[in-house]
Amino acid sequence: MEPRFDLMTNRIGAQVAKRFYSAGLPIRESSLPRALQELVQLRASQINGCGWCLDVHSKEASAAGETPLRVNLVAAWRESTVFTEAERAALALTEEGTRLADAHQGVSDETWDQVRKHFDDDQIAGLVTLVAMINASNRMAVITHTKGGSYNPSMLTALSN
């Protein structure tokens, strides 16, 4: 499939992207570990099949200090030994928050209890917002067939200017 539309070359699309990036600044600057933020976004992007976001967040995870092993195993985090209980809670929240249509209860009480156990209120606000924002980003990129493979970290930095 060829890309359908480049949101970044469209006036409205570029304005929305800049504001969307800015809306995420409080999360990026929070006490929620940057590497965990990237793993959460990576997992949601895997579920949604977003090649662009997989490219972005695998490279950003590496830049945040994640090892290739953990980046590669995030797709099978339940069947691996390299994630902490807190990371598992965040990844479970990510999956359940991404697959809302797959389960009538949305995020389970068990998952929510695990998130509450491991994260403070500001970190939870960051996680909930991060899951919502990456799902929106995934949808924009999937709808327009935005391809992965060409991401350079300076691309997102340019949005903050």
N, C-alpha and C. Protein backbone atom coordinates (compact mmCIF):
# COMPACT_ATOMS: atom_id res chain seq x y z
N MET A 1 0.82 -1.18 0.00
CA MET A 1 0.00 0.00 0.00
C MET A 1 0.87 1.25 0.00
N GLU A 2 0.48 2.16 -0.80
CA GLU A 2 1.17 3.45 -0.87
C GLU A 2 0.54 4.41 0.14
N PRO A 3 1.35 5.34 0.64
CA PRO A 3 0.78 6.36 1.53
C PRO A 3 -0.34 7.10 0.82
N ARG A 4 -1.42 7.38 1.56
CA ARG A 4 -2.57 8.05 0.99
C ARG A 4 -2.47 9.56 1.05
N PHE A 5 -1.87 10.04 2.14
CA PHE A 5 -1.94 11.46 2.43
C PHE A 5 -0.85 11.79 3.44
N ASP A 6 -0.18 12.90 3.27
CA ASP A 6 0.85 13.32 4.21
C ASP A 6 0.29 14.44 5.07
N LEU A 7 -0.12 14.09 6.28
CA LEU A 7 -0.68 15.08 7.19
C LEU A 7 0.29 16.22 7.49
N MET A 8 1.59 15.91 7.49
CA MET A 8 2.59 16.92 7.87
C MET A 8 2.79 17.98 6.79
N THR A 9 2.38 17.72 5.57
CA THR A 9 2.51 18.74 4.52
C THR A 9 1.21 19.52 4.32
N ASN A 10 0.20 19.16 5.10
CA ASN A 10 -1.07 19.86 5.04
C ASN A 10 -1.12 20.88 6.19
N ARG A 11 -1.60 22.05 5.94
CA ARG A 11 -1.62 23.11 6.95
C ARG A 11 -2.35 22.66 8.22
N ILE A 12 -3.53 22.14 8.10
CA ILE A 12 -4.31 21.71 9.27
C ILE A 12 -3.64 20.52 9.94
N GLY A 13 -3.22 19.53 9.15
CA GLY A 13 -2.56 18.36 9.71
C GLY A 13 -1.31 18.72 10.49
N ALA A 14 -0.51 19.63 9.97
CA ALA A 14 0.72 20.05 10.64
C ALA A 14 0.41 20.82 11.92
N GLN A 15 -0.62 21.66 11.90
CA GLN A 15 -1.01 22.40 13.11
C GLN A 15 -1.49 21.44 14.20
N VAL A 16 -2.28 20.47 13.82
CA VAL A 16 -2.77 19.48 14.79
C VAL A 16 -1.60 18.68 15.34
N ALA A 17 -0.69 18.25 14.48
CA ALA A 17 0.47 17.48 14.93
C ALA A 17 1.30 18.26 15.94
N LYS A 18 1.50 19.54 15.68
CA LYS A 18 2.29 20.38 16.60
C LYS A 18 1.59 20.49 17.95
N ARG A 19 0.29 20.69 17.94
CA ARG A 19 -0.45 20.80 19.18
C ARG A 19 -0.51 19.45 19.91
N PHE A 20 -0.63 18.41 19.16
CA PHE A 20 -0.67 17.06 19.73
C PHE A 20 0.66 16.77 20.43
N TYR A 21 1.75 17.11 19.77
CA TYR A 21 3.08 16.92 20.36
C TYR A 21 3.20 17.74 21.64
N SER A 22 2.75 18.99 21.59
CA SER A 22 2.82 19.86 22.77
C SER A 22 1.95 19.33 23.90
N ALA A 23 0.82 18.76 23.59
CA ALA A 23 -0.07 18.21 24.63
C ALA A 23 0.62 17.08 25.39
N GLY A 24 1.55 16.39 24.75
CA GLY A 24 2.27 15.30 25.39
C GLY A 24 3.45 15.72 26.25
N LEU A 25 3.82 17.00 26.20
CA LEU A 25 4.98 17.48 26.97
C LEU A 25 4.87 17.23 28.47
N PRO A 26 3.71 17.46 29.11
CA PRO A 26 3.64 17.18 30.54
C PRO A 26 3.92 15.71 30.88
N ILE A 27 3.56 14.81 30.01
CA ILE A 27 3.83 13.38 30.24
C ILE A 27 5.33 13.13 30.09
N ARG A 28 5.92 13.66 28.99
CA ARG A 28 7.35 13.45 28.76
C ARG A 28 8.20 14.04 29.89
N GLU A 29 7.70 15.11 30.52
CA GLU A 29 8.44 15.76 31.59
C GLU A 29 8.06 15.24 32.98
N SER A 30 7.18 14.27 33.06
CA SER A 30 6.71 13.75 34.35
C SER A 30 7.69 12.74 34.93
N SER A 31 7.34 12.22 36.10
CA SER A 31 8.18 11.20 36.75
C SER A 31 7.95 9.81 36.18
N LEU A 32 7.03 9.68 35.24
CA LEU A 32 6.84 8.40 34.57
C LEU A 32 8.07 8.11 33.73
N PRO A 33 8.77 7.02 33.99
CA PRO A 33 10.03 6.77 33.28
C PRO A 33 9.88 6.84 31.75
N ARG A 34 10.78 7.56 31.13
CA ARG A 34 10.73 7.76 29.67
C ARG A 34 10.76 6.43 28.92
N ALA A 35 11.58 5.50 29.36
CA ALA A 35 11.65 4.20 28.68
C ALA A 35 10.30 3.49 28.76
N LEU A 36 9.63 3.57 29.91
CA LEU A 36 8.31 2.95 30.05
C LEU A 36 7.30 3.63 29.13
N GLN A 37 7.37 4.93 29.03
CA GLN A 37 6.49 5.65 28.09
C GLN A 37 6.63 5.08 26.69
N GLU A 38 7.87 4.84 26.28
CA GLU A 38 8.11 4.32 24.92
C GLU A 38 7.60 2.89 24.77
N LEU A 39 7.79 2.06 25.81
CA LEU A 39 7.29 0.68 25.74
C LEU A 39 5.76 0.66 25.64
N VAL A 40 5.10 1.52 26.39
CA VAL A 40 3.63 1.62 26.32
C VAL A 40 3.20 2.00 24.91
N GLN A 41 3.85 3.01 24.34
CA GLN A 41 3.48 3.45 23.00
C GLN A 41 3.83 2.39 21.95
N LEU A 42 4.91 1.68 22.17
CA LEU A 42 5.30 0.60 21.27
C LEU A 42 4.25 -0.50 21.29
N ARG A 43 3.80 -0.88 22.50
CA ARG A 43 2.83 -1.98 22.60
C ARG A 43 1.51 -1.62 21.94
N ALA A 44 1.00 -0.43 22.19
CA ALA A 44 -0.25 -0.01 21.55
C ALA A 44 -0.10 0.00 20.03
N SER A 45 1.04 0.47 19.56
CA SER A 45 1.30 0.54 18.12
C SER A 45 1.38 -0.85 17.50
N GLN A 46 1.91 -1.83 18.24
CA GLN A 46 1.93 -3.21 17.76
C GLN A 46 0.50 -3.72 17.59
N ILE A 47 -0.32 -3.50 18.60
CA ILE A 47 -1.71 -3.97 18.56
C ILE A 47 -2.45 -3.34 17.38
N ASN A 48 -2.21 -2.06 17.14
CA ASN A 48 -2.93 -1.33 16.09
C ASN A 48 -2.29 -1.47 14.71
N GLY A 49 -1.14 -2.13 14.63
CA GLY A 49 -0.50 -2.34 13.33
C GLY A 49 0.00 -1.06 12.69
N CYS A 50 0.51 -0.14 13.50
CA CYS A 50 0.97 1.15 12.97
C CYS A 50 2.47 1.12 12.73
N GLY A 51 2.88 0.95 11.48
CA GLY A 51 4.29 0.89 11.13
C GLY A 51 5.05 2.16 11.47
N TRP A 52 4.45 3.31 11.22
CA TRP A 52 5.11 4.58 11.52
C TRP A 52 5.40 4.69 13.02
N CYS A 53 4.39 4.43 13.85
CA CYS A 53 4.57 4.57 15.29
C CYS A 53 5.50 3.49 15.85
N LEU A 54 5.51 2.31 15.26
CA LEU A 54 6.47 1.30 15.67
C LEU A 54 7.89 1.77 15.39
N ASP A 55 8.09 2.39 14.25
CA ASP A 55 9.41 2.95 13.91
C ASP A 55 9.80 4.01 14.92
N VAL A 56 8.90 4.96 15.18
CA VAL A 56 9.18 6.05 16.11
C VAL A 56 9.51 5.51 17.50
N HIS A 57 8.64 4.67 18.04
CA HIS A 57 8.78 4.31 19.45
C HIS A 57 9.81 3.22 19.70
N SER A 58 10.15 2.43 18.71
CA SER A 58 11.28 1.50 18.91
C SER A 58 12.59 2.29 18.95
N LYS A 59 12.72 3.29 18.09
CA LYS A 59 13.94 4.12 18.09
C LYS A 59 14.01 5.01 19.33
N GLU A 60 12.88 5.55 19.74
CA GLU A 60 12.86 6.39 20.94
C GLU A 60 13.11 5.55 22.20
N ALA A 61 12.62 4.32 22.21
CA ALA A 61 12.88 3.42 23.36
C ALA A 61 14.38 3.15 23.47
N SER A 62 15.01 2.89 22.36
CA SER A 62 16.46 2.67 22.36
C SER A 62 17.19 3.92 22.84
N ALA A 63 16.76 5.08 22.37
CA ALA A 63 17.38 6.33 22.80
C ALA A 63 17.17 6.58 24.30
N ALA A 64 16.08 6.04 24.85
CA ALA A 64 15.79 6.20 26.28
C ALA A 64 16.49 5.14 27.13
N GLY A 65 17.31 4.29 26.47
CA GLY A 65 18.09 3.31 27.22
C GLY A 65 17.55 1.90 27.22
N GLU A 66 16.47 1.66 26.50
CA GLU A 66 15.94 0.29 26.43
C GLU A 66 16.89 -0.60 25.64
N THR A 67 16.97 -1.83 26.06
CA THR A 67 17.81 -2.81 25.36
C THR A 67 17.04 -3.39 24.19
N PRO A 68 17.74 -3.89 23.18
CA PRO A 68 17.06 -4.56 22.08
C PRO A 68 16.20 -5.74 22.57
N LEU A 69 16.66 -6.46 23.57
CA LEU A 69 15.90 -7.59 24.10
C LEU A 69 14.52 -7.13 24.59
N ARG A 70 14.47 -6.10 25.40
CA ARG A 70 13.19 -5.63 25.95
C ARG A 70 12.31 -5.01 24.86
N VAL A 71 12.90 -4.30 23.94
CA VAL A 71 12.11 -3.75 22.83
C VAL A 71 11.49 -4.89 22.03
N ASN A 72 12.28 -5.93 21.77
CA ASN A 72 11.77 -7.07 20.99
C ASN A 72 10.74 -7.89 21.74
N LEU A 73 10.87 -7.97 23.05
CA LEU A 73 9.96 -8.82 23.84
C LEU A 73 8.68 -8.12 24.29
N VAL A 74 8.56 -6.82 24.07
CA VAL A 74 7.36 -6.14 24.53
C VAL A 74 6.09 -6.72 23.90
N ALA A 75 6.19 -7.26 22.71
CA ALA A 75 5.02 -7.88 22.06
C ALA A 75 4.56 -9.13 22.79
N ALA A 76 5.47 -9.75 23.53
CA ALA A 76 5.15 -10.97 24.28
C ALA A 76 5.52 -10.79 25.75
N TRP A 77 5.20 -9.66 26.31
CA TRP A 77 5.62 -9.32 27.67
C TRP A 77 5.12 -10.31 28.71
N ARG A 78 3.96 -10.90 28.48
CA ARG A 78 3.44 -11.90 29.44
C ARG A 78 4.28 -13.17 29.46
N GLU A 79 4.93 -13.46 28.35
CA GLU A 79 5.73 -14.68 28.22
C GLU A 79 7.22 -14.39 28.32
N SER A 80 7.58 -13.34 29.02
CA SER A 80 8.99 -13.01 29.18
C SER A 80 9.28 -12.68 30.65
N THR A 81 10.55 -12.64 30.96
CA THR A 81 10.98 -12.41 32.34
C THR A 81 11.67 -11.07 32.54
N VAL A 82 11.66 -10.22 31.54
CA VAL A 82 12.47 -9.00 31.58
C VAL A 82 11.71 -7.74 32.00
N PHE A 83 10.45 -7.87 32.38
CA PHE A 83 9.66 -6.71 32.77
C PHE A 83 9.28 -6.78 34.24
N THR A 84 9.33 -5.64 34.90
CA THR A 84 8.98 -5.56 36.31
C THR A 84 7.46 -5.65 36.49
N GLU A 85 7.03 -5.80 37.73
CA GLU A 85 5.58 -5.82 38.01
C GLU A 85 4.94 -4.50 37.59
N ALA A 86 5.61 -3.40 37.86
CA ALA A 86 5.07 -2.09 37.48
C ALA A 86 4.94 -1.98 35.96
N GLU A 87 5.96 -2.42 35.24
CA GLU A 87 5.90 -2.38 33.78
C GLU A 87 4.79 -3.29 33.26
N ARG A 88 4.62 -4.43 33.88
CA ARG A 88 3.54 -5.35 33.48
C ARG A 88 2.17 -4.70 33.69
N ALA A 89 2.02 -3.98 34.80
CA ALA A 89 0.76 -3.28 35.06
C ALA A 89 0.50 -2.23 33.97
N ALA A 90 1.54 -1.47 33.62
CA ALA A 90 1.39 -0.45 32.58
C ALA A 90 1.08 -1.07 31.23
N LEU A 91 1.72 -2.18 30.91
CA LEU A 91 1.46 -2.85 29.63
C LEU A 91 0.07 -3.46 29.59
N ALA A 92 -0.40 -3.99 30.71
CA ALA A 92 -1.77 -4.53 30.77
C ALA A 92 -2.78 -3.40 30.57
N LEU A 93 -2.55 -2.25 31.23
CA LEU A 93 -3.42 -1.09 31.04
C LEU A 93 -3.41 -0.66 29.58
N THR A 94 -2.25 -0.66 28.98
CA THR A 94 -2.13 -0.28 27.57
C THR A 94 -2.96 -1.21 26.68
N GLU A 95 -2.81 -2.50 26.88
CA GLU A 95 -3.55 -3.46 26.05
C GLU A 95 -5.05 -3.32 26.25
N GLU A 96 -5.49 -3.27 27.50
CA GLU A 96 -6.93 -3.19 27.75
C GLU A 96 -7.49 -1.84 27.31
N GLY A 97 -6.72 -0.76 27.45
CA GLY A 97 -7.16 0.55 27.01
C GLY A 97 -7.14 0.70 25.49
N THR A 98 -6.35 -0.11 24.83
CA THR A 98 -6.29 -0.10 23.36
C THR A 98 -7.37 -0.99 22.76
N ARG A 99 -7.67 -2.08 23.41
CA ARG A 99 -8.65 -3.05 22.90
C ARG A 99 -10.02 -2.87 23.53
N LEU A 100 -10.47 -1.65 23.66
CA LEU A 100 -11.75 -1.38 24.32
C LEU A 100 -12.91 -2.13 23.71
N ALA A 101 -12.93 -2.25 22.41
CA ALA A 101 -14.05 -2.92 21.74
C ALA A 101 -14.02 -4.44 21.91
N ASP A 102 -12.90 -4.97 22.38
CA ASP A 102 -12.76 -6.42 22.52
C ASP A 102 -13.32 -6.96 23.82
N ALA A 103 -13.58 -6.09 24.79
CA ALA A 103 -14.06 -6.55 26.10
C ALA A 103 -15.08 -5.55 26.63
N HIS A 104 -16.16 -6.08 27.16
CA HIS A 104 -17.24 -5.20 27.61
C HIS A 104 -16.85 -4.33 28.81
N GLN A 105 -15.89 -4.78 29.60
CA GLN A 105 -15.54 -4.02 30.80
C GLN A 105 -14.46 -2.97 30.57
N GLY A 106 -13.86 -2.91 29.40
CA GLY A 106 -12.77 -1.97 29.18
C GLY A 106 -11.57 -2.39 29.99
N VAL A 107 -11.07 -1.54 30.84
CA VAL A 107 -9.94 -1.87 31.70
C VAL A 107 -10.49 -2.58 32.94
N SER A 108 -9.97 -3.76 33.20
CA SER A 108 -10.47 -4.57 34.32
C SER A 108 -10.08 -3.96 35.67
N ASP A 109 -10.85 -4.30 36.69
CA ASP A 109 -10.53 -3.86 38.05
C ASP A 109 -9.19 -4.42 38.50
N GLU A 110 -8.88 -5.64 38.09
CA GLU A 110 -7.60 -6.25 38.46
C GLU A 110 -6.42 -5.45 37.89
N THR A 111 -6.52 -5.09 36.64
CA THR A 111 -5.46 -4.28 36.03
C THR A 111 -5.38 -2.92 36.69
N TRP A 112 -6.52 -2.29 36.92
CA TRP A 112 -6.53 -0.97 37.56
C TRP A 112 -5.89 -1.05 38.95
N ASP A 113 -6.21 -2.10 39.71
CA ASP A 113 -5.61 -2.26 41.04
C ASP A 113 -4.09 -2.38 40.96
N GLN A 114 -3.59 -3.08 39.95
CA GLN A 114 -2.14 -3.21 39.78
C GLN A 114 -1.50 -1.87 39.42
N VAL A 115 -2.17 -1.12 38.58
CA VAL A 115 -1.67 0.22 38.22
C VAL A 115 -1.63 1.10 39.47
N ARG A 116 -2.70 1.08 40.27
CA ARG A 116 -2.76 1.89 41.49
C ARG A 116 -1.66 1.48 42.48
N LYS A 117 -1.33 0.21 42.49
CA LYS A 117 -0.30 -0.31 43.40
C LYS A 117 1.09 0.24 43.06
N HIS A 118 1.36 0.43 41.78
CA HIS A 118 2.72 0.74 41.34
C HIS A 118 2.97 2.20 40.93
N PHE A 119 1.92 2.96 40.73
CA PHE A 119 2.10 4.32 40.22
C PHE A 119 1.33 5.33 41.06
N ASP A 120 1.90 6.55 41.17
CA ASP A 120 1.19 7.61 41.89
C ASP A 120 0.17 8.27 40.95
N ASP A 121 -0.61 9.18 41.48
CA ASP A 121 -1.69 9.79 40.70
C ASP A 121 -1.19 10.51 39.44
N ASP A 122 -0.08 11.24 39.56
CA ASP A 122 0.45 11.93 38.38
C ASP A 122 0.91 10.93 37.32
N GLN A 123 1.53 9.86 37.74
CA GLN A 123 1.97 8.84 36.78
C GLN A 123 0.78 8.14 36.14
N ILE A 124 -0.27 7.90 36.92
CA ILE A 124 -1.47 7.28 36.36
C ILE A 124 -2.12 8.21 35.34
N ALA A 125 -2.19 9.50 35.67
CA ALA A 125 -2.73 10.46 34.70
C ALA A 125 -1.91 10.43 33.42
N GLY A 126 -0.59 10.35 33.57
CA GLY A 126 0.28 10.26 32.40
C GLY A 126 0.03 8.99 31.60
N LEU A 127 -0.09 7.86 32.27
CA LEU A 127 -0.34 6.59 31.57
C LEU A 127 -1.66 6.60 30.83
N VAL A 128 -2.72 7.04 31.49
CA VAL A 128 -4.04 7.05 30.86
C VAL A 128 -4.02 7.96 29.63
N THR A 129 -3.44 9.14 29.78
CA THR A 129 -3.37 10.08 28.67
C THR A 129 -2.49 9.56 27.55
N LEU A 130 -1.38 8.94 27.92
CA LEU A 130 -0.45 8.39 26.93
C LEU A 130 -1.12 7.30 26.10
N VAL A 131 -1.87 6.42 26.74
CA VAL A 131 -2.57 5.36 26.01
C VAL A 131 -3.59 5.97 25.05
N ALA A 132 -4.33 6.96 25.51
CA ALA A 132 -5.31 7.60 24.63
C ALA A 132 -4.63 8.30 23.45
N MET A 133 -3.54 9.00 23.72
CA MET A 133 -2.87 9.76 22.66
C MET A 133 -2.19 8.85 21.64
N ILE A 134 -1.57 7.76 22.09
CA ILE A 134 -0.91 6.88 21.10
C ILE A 134 -1.96 6.19 20.25
N ASN A 135 -3.09 5.86 20.82
CA ASN A 135 -4.15 5.26 20.01
C ASN A 135 -4.66 6.23 18.96
N ALA A 136 -4.77 7.51 19.31
CA ALA A 136 -5.17 8.51 18.31
C ALA A 136 -4.10 8.64 17.23
N SER A 137 -2.84 8.67 17.64
CA SER A 137 -1.74 8.76 16.66
C SER A 137 -1.73 7.56 15.74
N ASN A 138 -1.91 6.37 16.31
CA ASN A 138 -1.95 5.15 15.51
C ASN A 138 -3.05 5.24 14.46
N ARG A 139 -4.19 5.72 14.85
CA ARG A 139 -5.31 5.79 13.92
C ARG A 139 -5.03 6.77 12.78
N MET A 140 -4.45 7.92 13.09
CA MET A 140 -4.13 8.87 12.02
C MET A 140 -3.14 8.26 11.03
N ALA A 141 -2.11 7.59 11.54
CA ALA A 141 -1.09 7.03 10.65
C ALA A 141 -1.61 5.84 9.87
N VAL A 142 -2.44 5.00 10.49
CA VAL A 142 -2.98 3.83 9.79
C VAL A 142 -3.97 4.27 8.72
N ILE A 143 -4.82 5.23 9.04
CA ILE A 143 -5.80 5.72 8.06
C ILE A 143 -5.12 6.28 6.82
N THR A 144 -4.01 6.98 7.02
CA THR A 144 -3.32 7.61 5.89
C THR A 144 -2.23 6.73 5.28
N HIS A 145 -2.06 5.52 5.82
CA HIS A 145 -1.02 4.58 5.36
C HIS A 145 0.38 5.17 5.48
N THR A 146 0.63 5.85 6.59
CA THR A 146 1.96 6.41 6.82
C THR A 146 2.91 5.27 7.15
N LYS A 147 3.98 5.17 6.39
CA LYS A 147 4.91 4.04 6.49
C LYS A 147 6.00 4.28 7.51
N GLY A 148 6.44 3.20 8.14
CA GLY A 148 7.57 3.25 9.05
C GLY A 148 8.87 3.00 8.30
N GLY A 149 9.98 3.35 8.95
CA GLY A 149 11.28 3.07 8.39
C GLY A 149 12.15 4.28 8.17
N SER A 150 11.54 5.46 8.17
CA SER A 150 12.33 6.65 7.87
C SER A 150 12.41 7.63 9.04
N TYR A 151 11.95 7.21 10.22
CA TYR A 151 11.91 8.13 11.36
C TYR A 151 13.31 8.51 11.83
N ASN A 152 13.45 9.80 12.12
CA ASN A 152 14.65 10.37 12.69
C ASN A 152 14.20 11.19 13.90
N PRO A 153 14.80 10.98 15.09
CA PRO A 153 14.34 11.71 16.27
C PRO A 153 14.22 13.22 16.10
N SER A 154 14.97 13.82 15.23
CA SER A 154 14.86 15.26 15.03
C SER A 154 13.51 15.66 14.43
N MET A 155 12.81 14.70 13.85
CA MET A 155 11.50 15.02 13.27
C MET A 155 10.52 15.49 14.33
N LEU A 156 10.48 14.82 15.46
CA LEU A 156 9.57 15.22 16.53
C LEU A 156 10.07 16.47 17.24
N THR A 157 11.37 16.61 17.37
CA THR A 157 11.94 17.79 18.00
C THR A 157 11.53 19.05 17.22
N ALA A 158 11.46 18.94 15.92
CA ALA A 158 11.07 20.08 15.08
C ALA A 158 9.64 20.54 15.39
N LEU A 159 8.79 19.62 15.86
CA LEU A 159 7.41 19.99 16.18
C LEU A 159 7.34 20.90 17.40
N SER A 160 8.32 20.82 18.27
CA SER A 160 8.28 21.63 19.49
C SER A 160 8.70 23.07 19.25
N ASN A 161 9.19 23.37 18.08
CA ASN A 161 9.63 24.74 17.78
C ASN A 161 8.51 25.58 17.23
